[in-house]
Amino acid sequence: MRPVKVPPMLQALVQTAVVSVDGKAFAELPACPACGGAVAGYDWKERKFATVRTEGEDRTVMVKVRRYQCRKCGKISPAKAPFYPDTRMGSPVVDLCVVLARTMTPGRSAQFLQSLGLVVDRGSVRDLSARTFPEIGTTEIFGMVLPRSIISLSMVAFRNL
């Protein structure tokens, strides 16, 4: 299969967006999602947000998520973080996988992601595209339809430079 050509500016936009969350902490949970009771800090958990490949080297982008224990029901719940339930990647990366899989095969989507500098295998793209997620807002940029979550994340990253 021929390699996928991606505008360098699009690659920079996506990589900057994903790398911008490296090391960020998510600690907001006002009440227990199960019963609405008061919560107390429990611990911190590191979660993998994405794997970025630059110049042949893989870099794992990690975030910290605070977990809380409900004082009423005892349930342990994570803070609000950019992850869909039962996924192992950040929601903007999942959004990108799902949006690309709408117009390409999973293998081609994985190649496109690799051209953007994101490491996601075709099996993961196939599995994610078969699942049901909330409506993913999209926009066209550089001739490609991309999720707004990636664009928003990149705007935040560029503001912080």
N, C-alpha and C. Protein backbone atom coordinates (compact mmCIF):
# COMPACT_ATOMS: atom_id res chain seq x y z
N MET A 1 0.83 -1.18 0.00
CA MET A 1 0.00 0.00 0.00
C MET A 1 0.88 1.24 0.00
N ARG A 2 0.46 2.24 -0.78
CA ARG A 2 1.22 3.48 -0.84
C ARG A 2 1.16 4.23 0.48
N PRO A 3 2.24 4.93 0.84
CA PRO A 3 2.21 5.72 2.07
C PRO A 3 1.21 6.87 1.95
N VAL A 4 0.65 7.25 3.07
CA VAL A 4 -0.34 8.33 3.11
C VAL A 4 0.40 9.65 3.22
N LYS A 5 0.07 10.59 2.33
CA LYS A 5 0.69 11.91 2.38
C LYS A 5 -0.20 12.84 3.19
N VAL A 6 0.42 13.49 4.15
CA VAL A 6 -0.30 14.38 5.05
C VAL A 6 0.41 15.73 5.03
N PRO A 7 -0.33 16.82 4.95
CA PRO A 7 0.33 18.13 5.02
C PRO A 7 1.10 18.26 6.34
N PRO A 8 2.35 18.74 6.28
CA PRO A 8 3.15 18.87 7.51
C PRO A 8 2.48 19.73 8.58
N MET A 9 1.71 20.71 8.15
CA MET A 9 1.04 21.57 9.11
C MET A 9 -0.04 20.80 9.89
N LEU A 10 -0.72 19.88 9.21
CA LEU A 10 -1.73 19.05 9.87
C LEU A 10 -1.06 18.11 10.88
N GLN A 11 0.07 17.54 10.49
CA GLN A 11 0.83 16.68 11.39
C GLN A 11 1.27 17.46 12.64
N ALA A 12 1.78 18.64 12.45
CA ALA A 12 2.22 19.48 13.57
C ALA A 12 1.05 19.85 14.47
N LEU A 13 -0.10 20.16 13.87
CA LEU A 13 -1.29 20.53 14.62
C LEU A 13 -1.73 19.39 15.53
N VAL A 14 -1.81 18.18 14.99
CA VAL A 14 -2.27 17.02 15.76
C VAL A 14 -1.26 16.65 16.84
N GLN A 15 0.02 16.61 16.49
CA GLN A 15 1.03 16.24 17.48
C GLN A 15 1.11 17.26 18.61
N THR A 16 1.04 18.53 18.30
CA THR A 16 1.08 19.57 19.32
C THR A 16 -0.12 19.44 20.25
N ALA A 17 -1.28 19.14 19.67
CA ALA A 17 -2.49 18.99 20.47
C ALA A 17 -2.34 17.84 21.46
N VAL A 18 -1.89 16.70 20.98
CA VAL A 18 -1.79 15.52 21.83
C VAL A 18 -0.70 15.67 22.89
N VAL A 19 0.44 16.20 22.51
CA VAL A 19 1.56 16.34 23.45
C VAL A 19 1.26 17.41 24.50
N SER A 20 0.35 18.33 24.21
CA SER A 20 0.06 19.43 25.14
C SER A 20 -0.53 18.94 26.46
N VAL A 21 -1.12 17.76 26.49
CA VAL A 21 -1.71 17.27 27.75
C VAL A 21 -0.75 16.41 28.55
N ASP A 22 0.46 16.19 28.05
CA ASP A 22 1.42 15.34 28.75
C ASP A 22 1.68 15.86 30.17
N GLY A 23 1.45 15.01 31.15
CA GLY A 23 1.70 15.36 32.54
C GLY A 23 0.60 16.16 33.21
N LYS A 24 -0.46 16.50 32.50
CA LYS A 24 -1.56 17.29 33.09
C LYS A 24 -2.31 16.45 34.13
N ALA A 25 -2.85 17.12 35.12
CA ALA A 25 -3.61 16.46 36.17
C ALA A 25 -5.09 16.83 36.05
N PHE A 26 -5.94 15.83 36.21
CA PHE A 26 -7.38 16.03 36.18
C PHE A 26 -7.92 15.64 37.56
N ALA A 27 -8.50 16.60 38.26
CA ALA A 27 -8.87 16.35 39.65
C ALA A 27 -10.26 16.87 40.02
N GLU A 28 -11.12 17.13 39.07
CA GLU A 28 -12.42 17.71 39.38
C GLU A 28 -13.51 16.64 39.45
N LEU A 29 -14.12 16.50 40.60
CA LEU A 29 -15.28 15.63 40.79
C LEU A 29 -16.09 16.21 41.95
N PRO A 30 -17.13 16.99 41.64
CA PRO A 30 -17.87 17.67 42.70
C PRO A 30 -18.66 16.74 43.63
N ALA A 31 -19.17 15.63 43.09
CA ALA A 31 -19.97 14.70 43.89
C ALA A 31 -19.88 13.30 43.31
N CYS A 32 -20.28 12.33 44.09
CA CYS A 32 -20.27 10.93 43.63
C CYS A 32 -21.23 10.76 42.45
N PRO A 33 -20.77 10.18 41.33
CA PRO A 33 -21.67 9.99 40.19
C PRO A 33 -22.74 8.93 40.45
N ALA A 34 -22.53 8.06 41.43
CA ALA A 34 -23.50 7.00 41.71
C ALA A 34 -24.64 7.47 42.59
N CYS A 35 -24.30 8.18 43.68
CA CYS A 35 -25.35 8.54 44.64
C CYS A 35 -25.44 10.04 44.92
N GLY A 36 -24.47 10.82 44.44
CA GLY A 36 -24.49 12.26 44.67
C GLY A 36 -23.91 12.69 46.00
N GLY A 37 -23.33 11.73 46.73
CA GLY A 37 -22.75 12.04 48.03
C GLY A 37 -21.44 12.80 47.93
N ALA A 38 -20.95 13.26 49.08
CA ALA A 38 -19.67 13.97 49.15
C ALA A 38 -18.53 12.98 48.89
N VAL A 39 -17.46 13.47 48.28
CA VAL A 39 -16.32 12.62 47.97
C VAL A 39 -15.06 13.11 48.70
N ALA A 40 -14.17 12.16 48.94
CA ALA A 40 -12.88 12.47 49.57
C ALA A 40 -11.79 11.88 48.69
N GLY A 41 -10.65 12.54 48.63
CA GLY A 41 -9.55 12.06 47.81
C GLY A 41 -9.14 10.65 48.19
N TYR A 42 -8.87 9.84 47.18
CA TYR A 42 -8.48 8.45 47.39
C TYR A 42 -7.03 8.23 46.96
N ASP A 43 -6.74 8.47 45.67
CA ASP A 43 -5.37 8.37 45.16
C ASP A 43 -5.29 9.00 43.76
N TRP A 44 -4.12 8.92 43.16
CA TRP A 44 -3.90 9.39 41.79
C TRP A 44 -3.57 8.18 40.93
N LYS A 45 -4.02 8.21 39.69
CA LYS A 45 -3.71 7.12 38.77
C LYS A 45 -3.19 7.73 37.47
N GLU A 46 -2.08 7.19 36.98
CA GLU A 46 -1.56 7.65 35.68
C GLU A 46 -2.25 6.85 34.58
N ARG A 47 -2.70 7.57 33.55
CA ARG A 47 -3.35 6.92 32.41
C ARG A 47 -2.66 7.33 31.13
N LYS A 48 -2.58 6.38 30.22
CA LYS A 48 -1.98 6.64 28.91
C LYS A 48 -3.00 7.39 28.06
N PHE A 49 -2.60 8.54 27.56
CA PHE A 49 -3.46 9.35 26.72
C PHE A 49 -3.26 8.98 25.24
N ALA A 50 -2.01 8.81 24.85
CA ALA A 50 -1.69 8.46 23.46
C ALA A 50 -0.21 8.10 23.36
N THR A 51 0.17 7.54 22.22
CA THR A 51 1.57 7.32 21.90
C THR A 51 1.87 8.10 20.63
N VAL A 52 2.88 8.95 20.70
CA VAL A 52 3.26 9.81 19.58
C VAL A 52 4.61 9.34 19.06
N ARG A 53 4.74 9.25 17.74
CA ARG A 53 6.00 8.87 17.13
C ARG A 53 6.59 10.07 16.41
N THR A 54 7.76 10.51 16.88
CA THR A 54 8.48 11.59 16.22
C THR A 54 9.89 11.14 15.96
N GLU A 55 10.33 11.34 14.73
CA GLU A 55 11.69 10.98 14.31
C GLU A 55 12.04 9.54 14.66
N GLY A 56 11.08 8.63 14.48
CA GLY A 56 11.32 7.22 14.69
C GLY A 56 11.25 6.74 16.12
N GLU A 57 11.03 7.63 17.07
CA GLU A 57 10.95 7.25 18.48
C GLU A 57 9.54 7.42 19.00
N ASP A 58 9.09 6.43 19.79
CA ASP A 58 7.77 6.50 20.39
C ASP A 58 7.83 7.20 21.74
N ARG A 59 6.86 8.06 21.97
CA ARG A 59 6.76 8.77 23.24
C ARG A 59 5.34 8.57 23.77
N THR A 60 5.25 8.08 24.99
CA THR A 60 3.95 7.87 25.61
C THR A 60 3.52 9.14 26.32
N VAL A 61 2.34 9.62 25.99
CA VAL A 61 1.77 10.81 26.61
C VAL A 61 0.87 10.33 27.75
N MET A 62 1.25 10.71 28.97
CA MET A 62 0.53 10.26 30.16
C MET A 62 -0.15 11.45 30.85
N VAL A 63 -1.29 11.18 31.47
CA VAL A 63 -1.98 12.18 32.30
C VAL A 63 -2.24 11.56 33.67
N LYS A 64 -2.46 12.42 34.67
CA LYS A 64 -2.79 11.95 36.02
C LYS A 64 -4.26 12.22 36.28
N VAL A 65 -4.93 11.20 36.80
CA VAL A 65 -6.36 11.33 37.11
C VAL A 65 -6.56 11.04 38.59
N ARG A 66 -7.15 11.99 39.29
CA ARG A 66 -7.43 11.84 40.72
C ARG A 66 -8.64 10.91 40.88
N ARG A 67 -8.57 10.01 41.84
CA ARG A 67 -9.71 9.15 42.15
C ARG A 67 -10.23 9.53 43.54
N TYR A 68 -11.53 9.43 43.66
CA TYR A 68 -12.20 9.81 44.90
C TYR A 68 -13.04 8.66 45.42
N GLN A 69 -13.22 8.63 46.77
CA GLN A 69 -14.09 7.65 47.39
C GLN A 69 -15.28 8.39 47.97
N CYS A 70 -16.47 7.87 47.70
CA CYS A 70 -17.69 8.48 48.21
C CYS A 70 -17.80 8.20 49.71
N ARG A 71 -18.13 9.22 50.46
CA ARG A 71 -18.29 9.07 51.91
C ARG A 71 -19.63 8.41 52.25
N LYS A 72 -20.53 8.42 51.29
CA LYS A 72 -21.87 7.86 51.53
C LYS A 72 -21.95 6.39 51.12
N CYS A 73 -21.59 6.08 49.86
CA CYS A 73 -21.74 4.70 49.37
C CYS A 73 -20.42 3.94 49.28
N GLY A 74 -19.29 4.64 49.43
CA GLY A 74 -17.99 3.97 49.40
C GLY A 74 -17.43 3.69 48.02
N LYS A 75 -18.15 4.04 46.96
CA LYS A 75 -17.68 3.78 45.60
C LYS A 75 -16.48 4.67 45.26
N ILE A 76 -15.53 4.08 44.54
CA ILE A 76 -14.36 4.83 44.08
C ILE A 76 -14.61 5.26 42.64
N SER A 77 -14.47 6.56 42.38
CA SER A 77 -14.74 7.11 41.05
C SER A 77 -13.62 8.04 40.63
N PRO A 78 -13.30 8.03 39.33
CA PRO A 78 -12.26 8.95 38.84
C PRO A 78 -12.83 10.35 38.62
N ALA A 79 -11.94 11.33 38.64
CA ALA A 79 -12.32 12.71 38.32
C ALA A 79 -12.70 12.79 36.84
N LYS A 80 -13.31 13.90 36.48
CA LYS A 80 -13.66 14.11 35.07
C LYS A 80 -12.36 14.25 34.29
N ALA A 81 -12.18 13.39 33.29
CA ALA A 81 -10.96 13.38 32.48
C ALA A 81 -11.34 13.10 31.04
N PRO A 82 -10.46 13.43 30.09
CA PRO A 82 -10.79 13.26 28.67
C PRO A 82 -10.66 11.81 28.19
N PHE A 83 -11.48 10.93 28.76
CA PHE A 83 -11.50 9.53 28.36
C PHE A 83 -12.94 9.06 28.25
N TYR A 84 -13.21 8.23 27.24
CA TYR A 84 -14.51 7.56 27.17
C TYR A 84 -14.45 6.35 28.08
N PRO A 85 -15.59 5.90 28.61
CA PRO A 85 -15.59 4.70 29.44
C PRO A 85 -15.04 3.48 28.67
N ASP A 86 -14.24 2.70 29.34
CA ASP A 86 -13.68 1.46 28.79
C ASP A 86 -12.81 1.67 27.55
N THR A 87 -12.09 2.79 27.50
CA THR A 87 -11.11 2.99 26.43
C THR A 87 -9.75 3.23 27.05
N ARG A 88 -8.71 2.97 26.29
CA ARG A 88 -7.35 3.11 26.78
C ARG A 88 -6.60 4.26 26.13
N MET A 89 -7.33 5.11 25.43
CA MET A 89 -6.74 6.29 24.79
C MET A 89 -7.60 7.50 25.13
N GLY A 90 -7.00 8.68 25.05
CA GLY A 90 -7.74 9.90 25.29
C GLY A 90 -8.86 10.09 24.29
N SER A 91 -9.92 10.75 24.70
CA SER A 91 -11.09 10.89 23.84
C SER A 91 -10.81 11.62 22.52
N PRO A 92 -9.92 12.63 22.46
CA PRO A 92 -9.64 13.23 21.15
C PRO A 92 -9.01 12.23 20.17
N VAL A 93 -8.17 11.34 20.66
CA VAL A 93 -7.55 10.32 19.79
C VAL A 93 -8.60 9.31 19.35
N VAL A 94 -9.49 8.92 20.26
CA VAL A 94 -10.58 8.01 19.91
C VAL A 94 -11.49 8.68 18.87
N ASP A 95 -11.80 9.96 19.09
CA ASP A 95 -12.62 10.70 18.11
C ASP A 95 -11.98 10.67 16.73
N LEU A 96 -10.67 10.89 16.68
CA LEU A 96 -9.95 10.89 15.41
C LEU A 96 -10.03 9.52 14.75
N CYS A 97 -9.86 8.45 15.51
CA CYS A 97 -9.96 7.09 14.97
C CYS A 97 -11.35 6.83 14.38
N VAL A 98 -12.38 7.20 15.12
CA VAL A 98 -13.75 6.95 14.68
C VAL A 98 -14.09 7.77 13.44
N VAL A 99 -13.70 9.04 13.43
CA VAL A 99 -14.00 9.91 12.28
C VAL A 99 -13.28 9.41 11.02
N LEU A 100 -12.01 9.02 11.15
CA LEU A 100 -11.28 8.51 10.00
C LEU A 100 -11.87 7.20 9.49
N ALA A 101 -12.30 6.34 10.42
CA ALA A 101 -12.86 5.04 10.03
C ALA A 101 -14.19 5.17 9.30
N ARG A 102 -14.82 6.33 9.37
CA ARG A 102 -16.07 6.54 8.63
C ARG A 102 -15.83 6.61 7.12
N THR A 103 -14.63 7.05 6.72
CA THR A 103 -14.35 7.24 5.29
C THR A 103 -13.23 6.35 4.77
N MET A 104 -12.55 5.62 5.67
CA MET A 104 -11.43 4.77 5.27
C MET A 104 -11.56 3.42 5.94
N THR A 105 -10.85 2.44 5.42
CA THR A 105 -10.79 1.15 6.09
C THR A 105 -9.96 1.30 7.37
N PRO A 106 -10.11 0.39 8.32
CA PRO A 106 -9.30 0.48 9.54
C PRO A 106 -7.80 0.48 9.27
N GLY A 107 -7.35 -0.31 8.30
CA GLY A 107 -5.93 -0.34 7.97
C GLY A 107 -5.44 0.98 7.41
N ARG A 108 -6.23 1.57 6.53
CA ARG A 108 -5.87 2.86 5.95
C ARG A 108 -5.93 3.97 7.01
N SER A 109 -6.92 3.88 7.90
CA SER A 109 -7.02 4.85 9.00
C SER A 109 -5.79 4.77 9.89
N ALA A 110 -5.34 3.55 10.21
CA ALA A 110 -4.14 3.38 11.04
C ALA A 110 -2.91 3.95 10.34
N GLN A 111 -2.83 3.77 9.02
CA GLN A 111 -1.72 4.36 8.26
C GLN A 111 -1.78 5.88 8.30
N PHE A 112 -2.96 6.42 8.17
CA PHE A 112 -3.13 7.87 8.21
C PHE A 112 -2.72 8.40 9.59
N LEU A 113 -3.15 7.71 10.64
CA LEU A 113 -2.77 8.10 12.00
C LEU A 113 -1.26 8.04 12.17
N GLN A 114 -0.63 7.02 11.59
CA GLN A 114 0.83 6.90 11.67
C GLN A 114 1.49 8.07 10.93
N SER A 115 0.92 8.48 9.82
CA SER A 115 1.46 9.64 9.10
C SER A 115 1.31 10.93 9.91
N LEU A 116 0.30 10.96 10.76
CA LEU A 116 0.12 12.11 11.65
C LEU A 116 1.06 12.04 12.85
N GLY A 117 1.67 10.88 13.06
CA GLY A 117 2.59 10.70 14.18
C GLY A 117 1.95 10.06 15.39
N LEU A 118 0.75 9.48 15.22
CA LEU A 118 0.08 8.78 16.32
C LEU A 118 0.17 7.27 16.11
N VAL A 119 0.48 6.55 17.15
CA VAL A 119 0.62 5.10 17.06
C VAL A 119 -0.68 4.45 17.52
N VAL A 120 -1.46 3.95 16.55
CA VAL A 120 -2.70 3.22 16.82
C VAL A 120 -2.76 2.10 15.78
N ASP A 121 -2.95 0.86 16.24
CA ASP A 121 -2.99 -0.25 15.29
C ASP A 121 -4.38 -0.38 14.66
N ARG A 122 -4.43 -1.07 13.55
CA ARG A 122 -5.69 -1.16 12.81
C ARG A 122 -6.77 -1.92 13.57
N GLY A 123 -6.37 -2.87 14.42
CA GLY A 123 -7.36 -3.58 15.24
C GLY A 123 -8.05 -2.65 16.21
N SER A 124 -7.29 -1.74 16.80
CA SER A 124 -7.88 -0.76 17.72
C SER A 124 -8.83 0.16 16.97
N VAL A 125 -8.44 0.59 15.78
CA VAL A 125 -9.31 1.46 14.97
C VAL A 125 -10.61 0.71 14.63
N ARG A 126 -10.48 -0.55 14.24
CA ARG A 126 -11.66 -1.36 13.89
C ARG A 126 -12.58 -1.52 15.11
N ASP A 127 -12.00 -1.84 16.27
CA ASP A 127 -12.81 -2.02 17.48
C ASP A 127 -13.50 -0.72 17.90
N LEU A 128 -12.78 0.39 17.84
CA LEU A 128 -13.36 1.68 18.22
C LEU A 128 -14.47 2.10 17.26
N SER A 129 -14.27 1.84 15.97
CA SER A 129 -15.28 2.26 14.99
C SER A 129 -16.56 1.43 15.09
N ALA A 130 -16.47 0.25 15.70
CA ALA A 130 -17.65 -0.59 15.88
C ALA A 130 -18.46 -0.21 17.12
N ARG A 131 -17.87 0.58 18.01
CA ARG A 131 -18.55 0.97 19.25
C ARG A 131 -19.42 2.20 19.03
N THR A 132 -20.29 2.45 19.99
CA THR A 132 -21.16 3.62 19.93
C THR A 132 -20.63 4.68 20.90
N PHE A 133 -20.37 5.85 20.37
CA PHE A 133 -19.90 6.98 21.16
C PHE A 133 -20.88 8.12 20.98
N PRO A 134 -20.84 9.11 21.87
CA PRO A 134 -21.70 10.29 21.67
C PRO A 134 -21.36 10.95 20.33
N GLU A 135 -22.24 11.77 19.84
CA GLU A 135 -22.02 12.47 18.57
C GLU A 135 -20.68 13.19 18.58
N ILE A 136 -19.89 12.97 17.55
CA ILE A 136 -18.56 13.59 17.44
C ILE A 136 -18.66 14.74 16.45
N GLY A 137 -18.46 15.94 16.96
CA GLY A 137 -18.49 17.12 16.09
C GLY A 137 -17.26 17.13 15.20
N THR A 138 -17.44 17.47 13.93
CA THR A 138 -16.33 17.48 12.98
C THR A 138 -16.25 18.81 12.26
N THR A 139 -15.09 19.03 11.66
CA THR A 139 -14.88 20.20 10.81
C THR A 139 -13.88 19.81 9.73
N GLU A 140 -13.94 20.49 8.61
CA GLU A 140 -13.01 20.19 7.52
C GLU A 140 -11.83 21.15 7.60
N ILE A 141 -10.65 20.58 7.56
CA ILE A 141 -9.42 21.37 7.59
C ILE A 141 -8.38 20.64 6.75
N PHE A 142 -7.66 21.37 5.94
CA PHE A 142 -6.67 20.81 5.03
C PHE A 142 -7.26 19.71 4.15
N GLY A 143 -8.53 19.84 3.79
CA GLY A 143 -9.18 18.87 2.92
C GLY A 143 -9.57 17.57 3.62
N MET A 144 -9.43 17.52 4.93
CA MET A 144 -9.79 16.32 5.69
C MET A 144 -10.86 16.68 6.72
N VAL A 145 -11.73 15.73 7.02
CA VAL A 145 -12.71 15.91 8.08
C VAL A 145 -12.07 15.43 9.37
N LEU A 146 -11.96 16.34 10.35
CA LEU A 146 -11.32 16.02 11.63
C LEU A 146 -12.27 16.35 12.77
N PRO A 147 -12.12 15.65 13.90
CA PRO A 147 -12.97 15.95 15.04
C PRO A 147 -12.62 17.30 15.66
N ARG A 148 -13.63 17.99 16.12
CA ARG A 148 -13.40 19.30 16.75
C ARG A 148 -12.59 19.19 18.03
N SER A 149 -12.64 18.02 18.69
CA SER A 149 -11.89 17.85 19.94
C SER A 149 -10.39 18.01 19.70
N ILE A 150 -9.88 17.50 18.57
CA ILE A 150 -8.46 17.65 18.23
C ILE A 150 -8.15 19.11 17.93
N ILE A 151 -9.02 19.76 17.18
CA ILE A 151 -8.81 21.16 16.82
C ILE A 151 -8.83 22.03 18.09
N SER A 152 -9.79 21.79 18.98
CA SER A 152 -9.87 22.57 20.23
C SER A 152 -8.64 22.36 21.08
N LEU A 153 -8.20 21.12 21.18
CA LEU A 153 -7.01 20.81 21.96
C LEU A 153 -5.78 21.50 21.39
N SER A 154 -5.68 21.53 20.07
CA SER A 154 -4.54 22.19 19.44
C SER A 154 -4.58 23.70 19.65
N MET A 155 -5.78 24.29 19.68
CA MET A 155 -5.90 25.73 19.93
C MET A 155 -5.43 26.07 21.34
N VAL A 156 -5.78 25.22 22.30
CA VAL A 156 -5.34 25.42 23.67
C VAL A 156 -3.81 25.30 23.74
N ALA A 157 -3.28 24.32 23.03
CA ALA A 157 -1.82 24.10 23.04
C ALA A 157 -1.09 25.30 22.46
N PHE A 158 -1.60 25.85 21.34
CA PHE A 158 -0.93 26.99 20.71
C PHE A 158 -1.05 28.24 21.57
N ARG A 159 -2.14 28.38 22.33
CA ARG A 159 -2.28 29.52 23.23
C ARG A 159 -1.27 29.48 24.36
N ASN A 160 -0.91 28.25 24.77
CA ASN A 160 0.01 28.08 25.89
C ASN A 160 1.48 28.14 25.48
N LEU A 161 1.76 28.28 24.18
CA LEU A 161 3.16 28.33 23.73
C LEU A 161 3.78 29.68 24.03
